PDB file of N, CA and C in Angstrom:
ATOM      1  N   MET A   1      44.891 -10.737  32.111  1.00  0.00           N
ATOM      2  CA  MET A   1      44.218  -9.333  31.232  1.00  0.00           C
ATOM      3  C   MET A   1      44.608  -8.751  29.737  1.00  0.00           C
ATOM      4  N   SER A   2      45.272  -9.564  29.377  1.00  0.00           N
ATOM      5  CA  SER A   2      44.787 -10.209  27.363  1.00  0.00           C
ATOM      6  C   SER A   2      43.369 -10.430  27.691  1.00  0.00           C
ATOM      7  N   LYS A   3      42.568 -11.838  27.975  1.00  0.00           N
ATOM      8  CA  LYS A   3      41.215 -11.534  28.393  1.00  0.00           C
ATOM      9  C   LYS A   3      40.814 -10.329  27.639  1.00  0.00           C
ATOM     10  N   THR A   4      40.214  -9.106  28.588  1.00  0.00           N
ATOM     11  CA  THR A   4      40.133  -8.311  28.774  1.00  0.00           C
ATOM     12  C   THR A   4      40.185  -6.897  27.329  1.00  0.00           C
ATOM     13  N   LYS A   5      41.307  -7.589  26.674  1.00  0.00           N
ATOM     14  CA  LYS A   5      41.508  -7.064  25.955  1.00  0.00           C
ATOM     15  C   LYS A   5      41.160  -7.071  24.378  1.00  0.00           C
ATOM     16  N   LYS A   6      41.279  -8.756  24.310  1.00  0.00           N
ATOM     17  CA  LYS A   6      39.876  -9.215  23.663  1.00  0.00           C
ATOM     18  C   LYS A   6      39.141  -8.879  23.371  1.00  0.00           C
ATOM     19  N   GLN A   7      38.272  -8.715  23.848  1.00  0.00           N
ATOM     20  CA  GLN A   7      37.128  -8.644  24.580  1.00  0.00           C
ATOM     21  C   GLN A   7      36.327  -7.195  24.065  1.00  0.00           C
ATOM     22  N   LYS A   8      37.801  -6.268  25.032  1.00  0.00           N
ATOM     23  CA  LYS A   8      37.084  -4.740  24.110  1.00  0.00           C
ATOM     24  C   LYS A   8      37.279  -4.650  21.897  1.00  0.00           C
ATOM     25  N   LYS A   9      38.499  -5.190  21.052  1.00  0.00           N
ATOM     26  CA  LYS A   9      38.622  -6.003  20.598  1.00  0.00           C
ATOM     27  C   LYS A   9      37.582  -6.015  19.941  1.00  0.00           C
ATOM     28  N   SER A  10      36.883  -7.106  20.438  1.00  0.00           N
ATOM     29  CA  SER A  10      35.420  -7.952  19.801  1.00  0.00           C
ATOM     30  C   SER A  10      34.482  -6.935  19.605  1.00  0.00           C
ATOM     31  N   LYS A  11      34.140  -6.232  20.227  1.00  0.00           N
ATOM     32  CA  LYS A  11      32.814  -5.922  21.010  1.00  0.00           C
ATOM     33  C   LYS A  11      33.571  -3.776  19.500  1.00  0.00           C
ATOM     34  N   ALA A  12      34.340  -3.891  19.704  1.00  0.00           N
ATOM     35  CA  ALA A  12      34.401  -2.487  18.805  1.00  0.00           C
ATOM     36  C   ALA A  12      34.153  -2.965  17.506  1.00  0.00           C
ATOM     37  N   ASN A  13      34.962  -4.607  16.558  1.00  0.00           N
ATOM     38  CA  ASN A  13      34.343  -5.087  16.033  1.00  0.00           C
ATOM     39  C   ASN A  13      33.220  -5.265  15.393  1.00  0.00           C
ATOM     40  N   ASN A  14      32.517  -5.917  16.524  1.00  0.00           N
ATOM     41  CA  ASN A  14      31.016  -5.675  15.902  1.00  0.00           C
ATOM     42  C   ASN A  14      30.175  -4.267  16.141  1.00  0.00           C
ATOM     43  N   VAL A  15      30.967  -3.989  16.881  1.00  0.00           N
ATOM     44  CA  VAL A  15      29.647  -2.147  16.208  1.00  0.00           C
ATOM     45  C   VAL A  15      29.916  -1.642  14.916  1.00  0.00           C
ATOM     46  N   GLN A  16      31.817  -1.855  14.782  1.00  0.00           N
ATOM     47  CA  GLN A  16      31.896  -1.884  13.439  1.00  0.00           C
ATOM     48  C   GLN A  16      31.039  -1.918  12.303  1.00  0.00           C
ATOM     49  N   LYS A  17      31.210  -2.765  11.871  1.00  0.00           N
ATOM     50  CA  LYS A  17      30.275  -4.030  11.363  1.00  0.00           C
ATOM     51  C   LYS A  17      28.767  -4.270  11.718  1.00  0.00           C
ATOM     52  N   VAL A  18      28.258  -3.965  12.227  1.00  0.00           N
ATOM     53  CA  VAL A  18      26.419  -2.935  12.317  1.00  0.00           C
ATOM     54  C   VAL A  18      26.564  -1.501  11.927  1.00  0.00           C
ATOM     55  N   LEU A  19      27.973  -1.052  12.300  1.00  0.00           N
ATOM     56  CA  LEU A  19      27.751   0.444  11.427  1.00  0.00           C
ATOM     57  C   LEU A  19      27.317   0.374  10.055  1.00  0.00           C
ATOM     58  N   GLU A  20      28.346  -0.629   9.732  1.00  0.00           N
ATOM     59  CA  GLU A  20      29.046  -0.795   8.349  1.00  0.00           C
ATOM     60  C   GLU A  20      27.142  -1.083   7.366  1.00  0.00           C
ATOM     61  N   GLN A  21      26.274  -2.090   8.597  1.00  0.00           N
ATOM     62  CA  GLN A  21      25.405  -2.944   7.756  1.00  0.00           C
ATOM     63  C   GLN A  21      24.481  -1.254   7.584  1.00  0.00           C
ATOM     64  N   GLN A  22      24.419  -0.652   8.255  1.00  0.00           N
ATOM     65  CA  GLN A  22      23.495   0.876   8.269  1.00  0.00           C
ATOM     66  C   GLN A  22      23.769   1.445   7.507  1.00  0.00           C
ATOM     67  N   GLN A  23      24.382   2.142   7.103  1.00  0.00           N
ATOM     68  CA  GLN A  23      25.236   3.357   6.874  1.00  0.00           C
ATOM     69  C   GLN A  23      24.320   2.863   4.922  1.00  0.00           C
ATOM     70  N   PRO A  24      24.352   1.967   4.336  1.00  0.00           N
ATOM     71  CA  PRO A  24      24.460   2.043   3.335  1.00  0.00           C
ATOM     72  C   PRO A  24      22.248   2.389   2.732  1.00  0.00           C
ATOM     73  N   GLU A  25      21.759   1.839   4.153  1.00  0.00           N
ATOM     74  CA  GLU A  25      20.189   1.828   3.467  1.00  0.00           C
ATOM     75  C   GLU A  25      20.371   3.597   4.604  1.00  0.00           C
ATOM     76  N   LYS A  26      21.092   4.544   5.246  1.00  0.00           N
ATOM     77  CA  LYS A  26      20.736   5.883   4.584  1.00  0.00           C
ATOM     78  C   LYS A  26      21.339   6.957   4.002  1.00  0.00           C
ATOM     79  N   SER A  27      22.511   5.523   3.067  1.00  0.00           N
ATOM     80  CA  SER A  27      22.458   6.771   2.251  1.00  0.00           C
ATOM     81  C   SER A  27      21.805   6.441   1.331  1.00  0.00           C
ATOM     82  N   ASN A  28      20.930   5.207   0.449  1.00  0.00           N
ATOM     83  CA  ASN A  28      20.540   5.403  -0.749  1.00  0.00           C
ATOM     84  C   ASN A  28      19.200   6.382   0.136  1.00  0.00           C
ATOM     85  N   THR A  29      18.806   6.217   1.049  1.00  0.00           N
ATOM     86  CA  THR A  29      17.517   7.665   1.592  1.00  0.00           C
ATOM     87  C   THR A  29      18.082   9.153   0.991  1.00  0.00           C
ATOM     88  N   LEU A  30      18.998   9.578   1.659  1.00  0.00           N
ATOM     89  CA  LEU A  30      19.585   9.962   1.841  1.00  0.00           C
ATOM     90  C   LEU A  30      19.743  10.836   0.588  1.00  0.00           C
ATOM     91  N   ILE A  31      20.269  10.057  -0.610  1.00  0.00           N
ATOM     92  CA  ILE A  31      20.209  10.214  -2.355  1.00  0.00           C
ATOM     93  C   ILE A  31      19.003  10.178  -2.690  1.00  0.00           C
ATOM     94  N   PHE A  32      18.027   9.993  -2.537  1.00  0.00           N
ATOM     95  CA  PHE A  32      16.852   9.753  -3.481  1.00  0.00           C
ATOM     96  C   PHE A  32      16.568  11.225  -3.130  1.00  0.00           C
ATOM     97  N   GLY A  33      16.555  11.481  -1.573  1.00  0.00           N
ATOM     98  CA  GLY A  33      15.829  12.578  -0.795  1.00  0.00           C
ATOM     99  C   GLY A  33      16.254  14.390  -1.621  1.00  0.00           C
ATOM    100  N   GLY A  34      17.624  13.496  -1.986  1.00  0.00           N
ATOM    101  CA  GLY A  34      18.622  14.946  -2.563  1.00  0.00           C
ATOM    102  C   GLY A  34      17.734  14.864  -3.937  1.00  0.00           C
ATOM    103  N   ILE A  35      17.552  13.822  -4.462  1.00  0.00           N
ATOM    104  CA  ILE A  35      16.765  13.934  -5.957  1.00  0.00           C
ATOM    105  C   ILE A  35      15.575  14.759  -5.958  1.00  0.00           C
ATOM    106  N   LEU A  36      15.135  14.085  -4.873  1.00  0.00           N
ATOM    107  CA  LEU A  36      13.315  14.683  -4.941  1.00  0.00           C
ATOM    108  C   LEU A  36      13.494  15.960  -5.311  1.00  0.00           C
ATOM    109  N   LEU A  37      14.555  16.455  -4.074  1.00  0.00           N
ATOM    110  CA  LEU A  37      14.321  17.869  -3.710  1.00  0.00           C
ATOM    111  C   LEU A  37      14.860  18.546  -5.067  1.00  0.00           C
ATOM    112  N   ALA A  38      15.817  17.848  -5.118  1.00  0.00           N
ATOM    113  CA  ALA A  38      16.271  19.087  -6.202  1.00  0.00           C
ATOM    114  C   ALA A  38      15.984  19.034  -7.605  1.00  0.00           C
ATOM    115  N   MET A  39      14.417  17.811  -7.917  1.00  0.00           N
ATOM    116  CA  MET A  39      13.723  18.253  -9.522  1.00  0.00           C
ATOM    117  C   MET A  39      12.416  18.824  -8.156  1.00  0.00           C
ATOM    118  N   SER A  40      12.490  19.089  -7.839  1.00  0.00           N
ATOM    119  CA  SER A  40      11.185  20.135  -7.309  1.00  0.00           C
ATOM    120  C   SER A  40      11.862  21.909  -6.779  1.00  0.00           C
ATOM    121  N   SER A  41      12.397  21.910  -7.082  1.00  0.00           N
ATOM    122  CA  SER A  41      13.769  23.081  -6.458  1.00  0.00           C
ATOM    123  C   SER A  41      13.819  23.776  -7.869  1.00  0.00           C
ATOM    124  N   ILE A  42      13.933  22.345  -9.376  1.00  0.00           N
ATOM    125  CA  ILE A  42      13.896  23.317 -10.767  1.00  0.00           C
ATOM    126  C   ILE A  42      12.862  22.845 -10.992  1.00  0.00           C
ATOM    127  N   GLY A  43      11.804  22.614 -11.054  1.00  0.00           N
ATOM    128  CA  GLY A  43      10.287  22.500 -11.024  1.00  0.00           C
ATOM    129  C   GLY A  43       9.709  23.572 -10.750  1.00  0.00           C
ATOM    130  N   LEU A  44       9.946  24.150  -9.527  1.00  0.00           N
ATOM    131  CA  LEU A  44       9.403  25.137  -9.381  1.00  0.00           C
ATOM    132  C   LEU A  44       9.854  26.380 -10.075  1.00  0.00           C
ATOM    133  N   LEU A  45      11.681  26.545  -9.950  1.00  0.00           N
ATOM    134  CA  LEU A  45      12.336  27.507 -10.923  1.00  0.00           C
ATOM    135  C   LEU A  45      11.503  27.971 -12.081  1.00  0.00           C
ATOM    136  N   ILE A  46      11.372  26.989 -13.541  1.00  0.00           N
ATOM    137  CA  ILE A  46      11.204  26.612 -14.418  1.00  0.00           C
ATOM    138  C   ILE A  46       9.668  26.986 -14.433  1.00  0.00           C
ATOM    139  N   PHE A  47       8.600  27.379 -13.438  1.00  0.00           N
ATOM    140  CA  PHE A  47       7.108  27.506 -12.981  1.00  0.00           C
ATOM    141  C   PHE A  47       7.258  29.258 -13.078  1.00  0.00           C
ATOM    142  N   VAL A  48       7.851  29.506 -12.379  1.00  0.00           N
ATOM    143  CA  VAL A  48       8.602  31.271 -11.581  1.00  0.00           C
ATOM    144  C   VAL A  48       8.812  31.743 -13.210  1.00  0.00           C
ATOM    145  N   LEU A  49       9.835  31.441 -13.471  1.00  0.00           N
ATOM    146  CA  LEU A  49      10.169  31.758 -14.606  1.00  0.00           C
ATOM    147  C   LEU A  49       9.600  32.147 -16.156  1.00  0.00           C
ATOM    148  N   SER A  50       9.026  31.145 -16.059  1.00  0.00           N
ATOM    149  CA  SER A  50       8.030  31.147 -17.071  1.00  0.00           C
ATOM    150  C   SER A  50       6.989  32.044 -16.732  1.00  0.00           C
ATOM    151  N   TYR A  51       6.119  31.614 -15.914  1.00  0.00           N
ATOM    152  CA  TYR A  51       5.390  33.165 -15.092  1.00  0.00           C
ATOM    153  C   TYR A  51       5.222  34.226 -15.348  1.00  0.00           C
ATOM    154  N   LYS A  52       6.575  34.582 -15.242  1.00  0.00           N
ATOM    155  CA  LYS A  52       7.188  36.011 -15.556  1.00  0.00           C
ATOM    156  C   LYS A  52       7.400  36.458 -16.961  1.00  0.00           C
ATOM    157  N   VAL A  53       8.175  35.563 -17.415  1.00  0.00           N
ATOM    158  CA  VAL A  53       8.091  35.432 -19.338  1.00  0.00           C
ATOM    159  C   VAL A  53       7.444  35.380 -19.704  1.00  0.00           C
ATOM    160  N   PHE A  54       6.220  35.084 -19.405  1.00  0.00           N
ATOM    161  CA  PHE A  54       4.642  35.108 -20.354  1.00  0.00           C
ATOM    162  C   PHE A  54       3.862  36.525 -19.769  1.00  0.00           C
ATOM    163  N   ASP A  55       3.771  36.595 -18.912  1.00  0.00           N
ATOM    164  CA  ASP A  55       3.085  37.916 -17.594  1.00  0.00           C
ATOM    165  C   ASP A  55       3.412  38.913 -18.469  1.00  0.00           C
ATOM    166  N   LEU A  56       5.374  39.323 -19.127  1.00  0.00           N
ATOM    167  CA  LEU A  56       5.678  40.767 -19.321  1.00  0.00           C
ATOM    168  C   LEU A  56       4.852  40.820 -20.733  1.00  0.00           C
ATOM    169  N   SER A  57       5.278  39.595 -21.831  1.00  0.00           N
ATOM    170  CA  SER A  57       4.818  39.032 -23.470  1.00  0.00           C
ATOM    171  C   SER A  57       2.573  39.485 -23.396  1.00  0.00           C
TER     172      SER A  57
END
């Protein structure tokens, strides 16, 4: 009975280690994507506002 408990704990630890190793890669991708999306949306906002300002004058 103690062998099965040890095996379950070791499997859970192995899964946790694998998930911890993969997480920073996803996090970096999400950060890069978020920065790119924010920069493009700010650029589009500036373009639209400047077009409306110059169109009125």
